[in-house]
N, C-alpha and C. Protein backbone atom coordinates (compact mmCIF):
# COMPACT_ATOMS: atom_id res chain seq x y z
N UNK A 1 28.48 -0.71 -5.63
CA UNK A 1 28.01 0.52 -6.38
C UNK A 1 28.05 1.81 -5.53
N UNK A 2 28.61 2.82 -6.05
CA UNK A 2 28.71 4.05 -5.40
C UNK A 2 27.39 4.90 -5.63
N UNK A 3 27.12 5.87 -4.67
CA UNK A 3 26.05 6.67 -4.91
C UNK A 3 26.16 7.67 -6.11
N UNK A 4 27.55 7.93 -6.37
CA UNK A 4 27.90 8.80 -7.52
C UNK A 4 27.56 8.22 -8.78
N UNK A 5 27.53 6.93 -8.94
CA UNK A 5 27.38 6.19 -10.09
C UNK A 5 25.91 5.93 -10.55
N UNK A 6 24.98 6.32 -9.60
CA UNK A 6 23.57 6.05 -9.84
C UNK A 6 23.07 7.17 -10.94
N UNK A 7 22.08 6.34 -11.62
CA UNK A 7 21.41 7.27 -12.56
C UNK A 7 20.18 7.85 -11.90
N UNK A 8 19.54 8.81 -12.54
CA UNK A 8 18.43 9.59 -11.96
C UNK A 8 17.36 8.52 -11.62
N UNK A 9 17.04 7.51 -12.54
CA UNK A 9 15.86 6.72 -12.26
C UNK A 9 16.25 5.82 -11.09
N UNK A 10 17.53 5.28 -10.95
CA UNK A 10 17.99 4.41 -9.91
C UNK A 10 17.81 5.17 -8.61
N UNK A 11 18.24 6.46 -8.55
CA UNK A 11 18.14 7.05 -7.38
C UNK A 11 16.76 7.38 -6.92
N UNK A 12 15.79 7.64 -7.94
CA UNK A 12 14.45 7.84 -7.62
C UNK A 12 13.76 6.65 -7.05
N UNK A 13 14.09 5.56 -7.81
CA UNK A 13 13.39 4.33 -7.27
C UNK A 13 14.00 3.84 -5.86
N UNK A 14 15.22 3.99 -5.59
CA UNK A 14 15.82 3.83 -4.27
C UNK A 14 15.12 4.74 -3.17
N UNK A 15 15.02 6.01 -3.55
CA UNK A 15 14.40 6.89 -2.52
C UNK A 15 12.82 6.52 -2.41
N UNK A 16 12.21 6.14 -3.46
CA UNK A 16 10.79 5.81 -3.39
C UNK A 16 10.66 4.67 -2.54
N UNK A 17 11.51 3.50 -2.74
CA UNK A 17 11.49 2.33 -1.95
C UNK A 17 11.57 2.57 -0.50
N UNK A 18 12.59 3.52 -0.19
CA UNK A 18 12.84 3.91 1.19
C UNK A 18 11.67 4.57 1.84
N UNK A 19 10.98 5.50 1.15
CA UNK A 19 9.83 6.19 1.65
C UNK A 19 8.70 5.28 1.71
N UNK A 20 8.53 4.31 0.82
CA UNK A 20 7.31 3.43 1.04
C UNK A 20 7.55 2.46 2.00
N UNK A 21 8.83 2.02 2.36
CA UNK A 21 8.95 1.12 3.43
C UNK A 21 8.67 1.89 4.84
N UNK A 22 9.09 3.09 4.82
CA UNK A 22 8.76 3.92 6.15
C UNK A 22 7.24 4.02 6.23
N UNK A 23 6.51 4.29 5.03
CA UNK A 23 5.02 4.35 5.28
C UNK A 23 4.35 3.11 5.54
N UNK A 24 4.92 1.95 5.06
CA UNK A 24 4.32 0.72 5.65
C UNK A 24 4.51 0.49 6.96
N UNK A 25 5.71 0.94 7.55
CA UNK A 25 6.04 0.67 8.99
C UNK A 25 5.03 1.69 9.83
N UNK A 26 4.88 2.78 9.37
CA UNK A 26 3.88 3.67 10.14
C UNK A 26 2.45 3.18 9.96
N UNK A 27 2.04 2.73 8.83
CA UNK A 27 0.68 2.15 8.66
C UNK A 27 0.52 0.90 9.53
N UNK A 28 1.51 0.13 9.69
CA UNK A 28 1.49 -1.15 10.45
C UNK A 28 1.29 -0.73 11.89
N UNK A 29 1.97 0.36 12.43
CA UNK A 29 1.75 0.85 13.85
C UNK A 29 0.37 1.21 14.04
N UNK A 30 -0.17 1.91 12.98
CA UNK A 30 -1.71 2.37 13.16
C UNK A 30 -2.59 1.09 13.13
N UNK A 31 -2.27 0.21 12.35
CA UNK A 31 -2.97 -1.15 12.30
C UNK A 31 -2.99 -1.74 13.77
N UNK A 32 -1.80 -1.74 14.34
CA UNK A 32 -1.67 -2.46 15.63
C UNK A 32 -2.47 -1.64 16.78
N UNK A 33 -2.04 -0.22 16.72
CA UNK A 33 -2.53 0.55 17.85
C UNK A 33 -3.74 1.40 17.68
N UNK A 34 -4.39 0.92 16.40
CA UNK A 34 -5.52 1.80 16.02
C UNK A 34 -6.60 1.81 17.21
N UNK A 35 -7.20 3.09 17.59
CA UNK A 35 -8.14 3.09 18.60
C UNK A 35 -9.51 2.38 18.27
N UNK A 36 -9.80 2.35 16.89
CA UNK A 36 -11.07 1.84 16.58
C UNK A 36 -10.94 0.89 15.44
N UNK A 37 -11.88 0.07 15.18
CA UNK A 37 -11.95 -0.84 14.06
C UNK A 37 -11.83 0.01 12.73
N UNK A 38 -12.63 1.06 12.46
CA UNK A 38 -12.42 1.87 11.21
C UNK A 38 -10.96 2.27 11.03
N UNK A 39 -10.27 2.66 12.02
CA UNK A 39 -8.94 3.08 11.84
C UNK A 39 -8.10 1.97 11.50
N UNK A 40 -8.29 0.78 11.89
CA UNK A 40 -7.51 -0.37 11.53
C UNK A 40 -7.83 -0.83 10.05
N UNK A 41 -9.06 -0.74 9.74
CA UNK A 41 -9.45 -1.06 8.38
C UNK A 41 -8.93 -0.01 7.31
N UNK A 42 -8.87 1.21 7.68
CA UNK A 42 -8.10 2.15 6.83
C UNK A 42 -6.61 1.98 6.73
N UNK A 43 -5.99 1.59 7.85
CA UNK A 43 -4.57 1.20 7.80
C UNK A 43 -4.27 -0.01 7.04
N UNK A 44 -5.22 -1.01 7.09
CA UNK A 44 -4.95 -2.23 6.19
C UNK A 44 -5.11 -1.80 4.84
N UNK A 45 -6.00 -0.96 4.58
CA UNK A 45 -6.17 -0.53 3.08
C UNK A 45 -5.01 0.24 2.54
N UNK A 46 -4.49 1.02 3.48
CA UNK A 46 -3.27 1.76 3.18
C UNK A 46 -2.17 0.91 2.95
N UNK A 47 -2.00 -0.21 3.72
CA UNK A 47 -0.81 -1.07 3.49
C UNK A 47 -1.08 -1.81 2.21
N UNK A 48 -2.25 -2.13 1.83
CA UNK A 48 -2.41 -2.81 0.51
C UNK A 48 -2.09 -1.88 -0.60
N UNK A 49 -2.31 -0.58 -0.50
CA UNK A 49 -2.06 0.49 -1.52
C UNK A 49 -0.50 0.61 -1.58
N UNK A 50 0.16 0.65 -0.35
CA UNK A 50 1.67 0.71 -0.32
C UNK A 50 2.35 -0.44 -0.92
N UNK A 51 1.76 -1.61 -0.72
CA UNK A 51 2.34 -2.86 -1.32
C UNK A 51 2.12 -2.86 -2.84
N UNK A 52 1.15 -2.24 -3.31
CA UNK A 52 0.98 -2.06 -4.77
C UNK A 52 1.95 -1.15 -5.42
N UNK A 53 2.16 -0.04 -4.62
CA UNK A 53 3.21 0.99 -4.97
C UNK A 53 4.69 0.33 -4.90
N UNK A 54 4.96 -0.49 -3.95
CA UNK A 54 6.21 -1.15 -3.85
C UNK A 54 6.47 -2.07 -5.02
N UNK A 55 5.45 -2.84 -5.33
CA UNK A 55 5.55 -3.70 -6.47
C UNK A 55 5.74 -2.93 -7.91
N UNK A 56 5.00 -1.84 -7.95
CA UNK A 56 5.15 -1.01 -9.19
C UNK A 56 6.65 -0.28 -9.11
N UNK A 57 7.20 -0.05 -8.03
CA UNK A 57 8.50 0.62 -7.95
C UNK A 57 9.55 -0.48 -8.29
N UNK A 58 9.38 -1.69 -7.81
CA UNK A 58 10.17 -2.84 -8.01
C UNK A 58 10.27 -3.04 -9.61
N UNK A 59 9.14 -3.09 -10.29
CA UNK A 59 8.94 -3.38 -11.62
C UNK A 59 9.54 -2.34 -12.43
N UNK A 60 9.46 -0.97 -11.96
CA UNK A 60 10.23 0.04 -12.64
C UNK A 60 11.71 -0.16 -12.62
N UNK A 61 12.11 -0.39 -11.43
CA UNK A 61 13.69 -0.53 -11.14
C UNK A 61 14.31 -1.70 -11.90
N UNK A 62 13.55 -2.75 -12.06
CA UNK A 62 14.09 -3.89 -12.62
C UNK A 62 13.71 -4.05 -14.13
N UNK A 63 12.89 -3.10 -14.65
CA UNK A 63 12.43 -3.11 -16.02
C UNK A 63 11.81 -4.39 -16.48
N UNK A 64 11.11 -5.04 -15.51
CA UNK A 64 10.48 -6.40 -15.89
C UNK A 64 8.91 -6.24 -15.33
N UNK A 65 8.13 -5.99 -16.04
CA UNK A 65 6.67 -5.89 -15.65
C UNK A 65 5.81 -6.99 -15.50
N UNK A 66 6.52 -7.99 -14.72
CA UNK A 66 5.84 -9.27 -14.58
C UNK A 66 4.85 -9.39 -13.41
N UNK A 67 4.96 -8.41 -12.48
CA UNK A 67 4.17 -8.49 -11.32
C UNK A 67 3.10 -7.31 -11.32
N UNK A 68 2.88 -6.68 -12.51
CA UNK A 68 1.80 -5.78 -12.50
C UNK A 68 0.41 -6.32 -12.40
N UNK A 69 0.24 -7.52 -12.90
CA UNK A 69 -1.09 -8.19 -12.76
C UNK A 69 -1.41 -8.53 -11.30
N UNK A 70 -0.37 -9.03 -10.66
CA UNK A 70 -0.69 -9.26 -9.30
C UNK A 70 -1.00 -8.00 -8.44
N UNK A 71 -0.30 -6.94 -8.84
CA UNK A 71 -0.59 -5.55 -8.09
C UNK A 71 -1.87 -5.05 -8.43
N UNK A 72 -2.43 -5.30 -9.76
CA UNK A 72 -3.73 -4.77 -10.03
C UNK A 72 -4.79 -5.62 -9.27
N UNK A 73 -4.66 -6.91 -9.05
CA UNK A 73 -5.59 -7.75 -8.50
C UNK A 73 -5.65 -7.38 -6.98
N UNK A 74 -4.44 -7.18 -6.36
CA UNK A 74 -4.38 -6.83 -5.02
C UNK A 74 -5.08 -5.41 -4.77
N UNK A 75 -4.87 -4.46 -5.76
CA UNK A 75 -5.62 -3.29 -5.60
C UNK A 75 -7.11 -3.37 -5.63
N UNK A 76 -7.55 -4.22 -6.62
CA UNK A 76 -9.05 -4.41 -6.77
C UNK A 76 -9.60 -5.19 -5.35
N UNK A 77 -8.84 -6.10 -5.00
CA UNK A 77 -9.40 -6.84 -3.75
C UNK A 77 -9.39 -5.90 -2.40
N UNK A 78 -8.38 -5.21 -2.37
CA UNK A 78 -8.45 -4.11 -1.25
C UNK A 78 -9.53 -3.13 -1.44
N UNK A 79 -9.81 -2.68 -2.71
CA UNK A 79 -10.87 -1.69 -2.79
C UNK A 79 -12.26 -2.39 -2.55
N UNK A 80 -12.44 -3.54 -2.96
CA UNK A 80 -13.76 -4.21 -2.65
C UNK A 80 -13.84 -4.57 -1.20
N UNK A 81 -12.77 -4.82 -0.51
CA UNK A 81 -12.81 -4.98 0.99
C UNK A 81 -13.33 -3.75 1.63
N UNK A 82 -12.75 -2.67 1.27
CA UNK A 82 -12.94 -1.38 1.86
C UNK A 82 -14.55 -1.04 1.65
N UNK A 83 -14.90 -1.21 0.40
CA UNK A 83 -16.37 -0.98 -0.04
C UNK A 83 -17.22 -1.81 0.94
N UNK A 84 -16.90 -3.13 1.09
CA UNK A 84 -17.73 -4.03 1.73
C UNK A 84 -17.78 -3.43 3.37
N UNK A 85 -16.63 -3.18 3.80
CA UNK A 85 -16.64 -2.64 5.26
C UNK A 85 -17.45 -1.34 5.41
N UNK A 86 -17.33 -0.44 4.42
CA UNK A 86 -18.08 0.64 4.37
C UNK A 86 -19.61 0.50 4.44
N UNK A 87 -20.06 -0.46 3.56
CA UNK A 87 -21.50 -0.87 3.54
C UNK A 87 -21.77 -1.46 4.90
N UNK A 88 -21.03 -2.29 5.53
CA UNK A 88 -21.28 -2.92 6.79
C UNK A 88 -21.58 -1.91 7.83
N UNK A 89 -20.62 -0.80 7.94
CA UNK A 89 -20.81 0.22 8.90
C UNK A 89 -21.97 0.90 8.62
N UNK A 90 -22.32 1.29 7.44
CA UNK A 90 -23.49 2.16 7.11
C UNK A 90 -24.81 1.37 7.43
N UNK A 91 -24.79 0.05 7.31
CA UNK A 91 -26.08 -0.65 7.60
C UNK A 91 -26.17 -0.90 9.15
N UNK A 92 -25.09 -1.01 9.86
CA UNK A 92 -25.03 -1.09 11.23
C UNK A 92 -25.65 0.16 11.90
N UNK A 93 -25.32 1.30 11.32
CA UNK A 93 -25.86 2.60 11.87
C UNK A 93 -27.41 2.74 11.64
N UNK A 94 -27.74 2.22 10.55
CA UNK A 94 -29.24 2.45 10.15
C UNK A 94 -29.97 1.41 11.14
N UNK A 95 -29.37 0.19 11.55
CA UNK A 95 -30.06 -0.66 12.36
C UNK A 95 -30.31 -0.23 13.82
N UNK A 96 -29.35 0.75 14.29
CA UNK A 96 -29.42 1.16 15.66
C UNK A 96 -30.50 2.17 15.93
């Protein structure tokens, strides 16, 4: 397939996938090298959001919305994990 033959939607999904992949790599570097635990938790939450975006981009590119349910569940679990960590940090500050 030539780049000249791409439709606007195909070009947009390809560019989105490329940028999301770069964002996942950068977030993974923050996860590995994060100076503190909250930085690593935020990086992990960002990776979960980026995976949801990648799944959505894939579903748009293939025109088959079969994985939207899994993406929604992943987003909810990531949100609940972030809220739980925030509560843990808040309680540990009050205990000190």
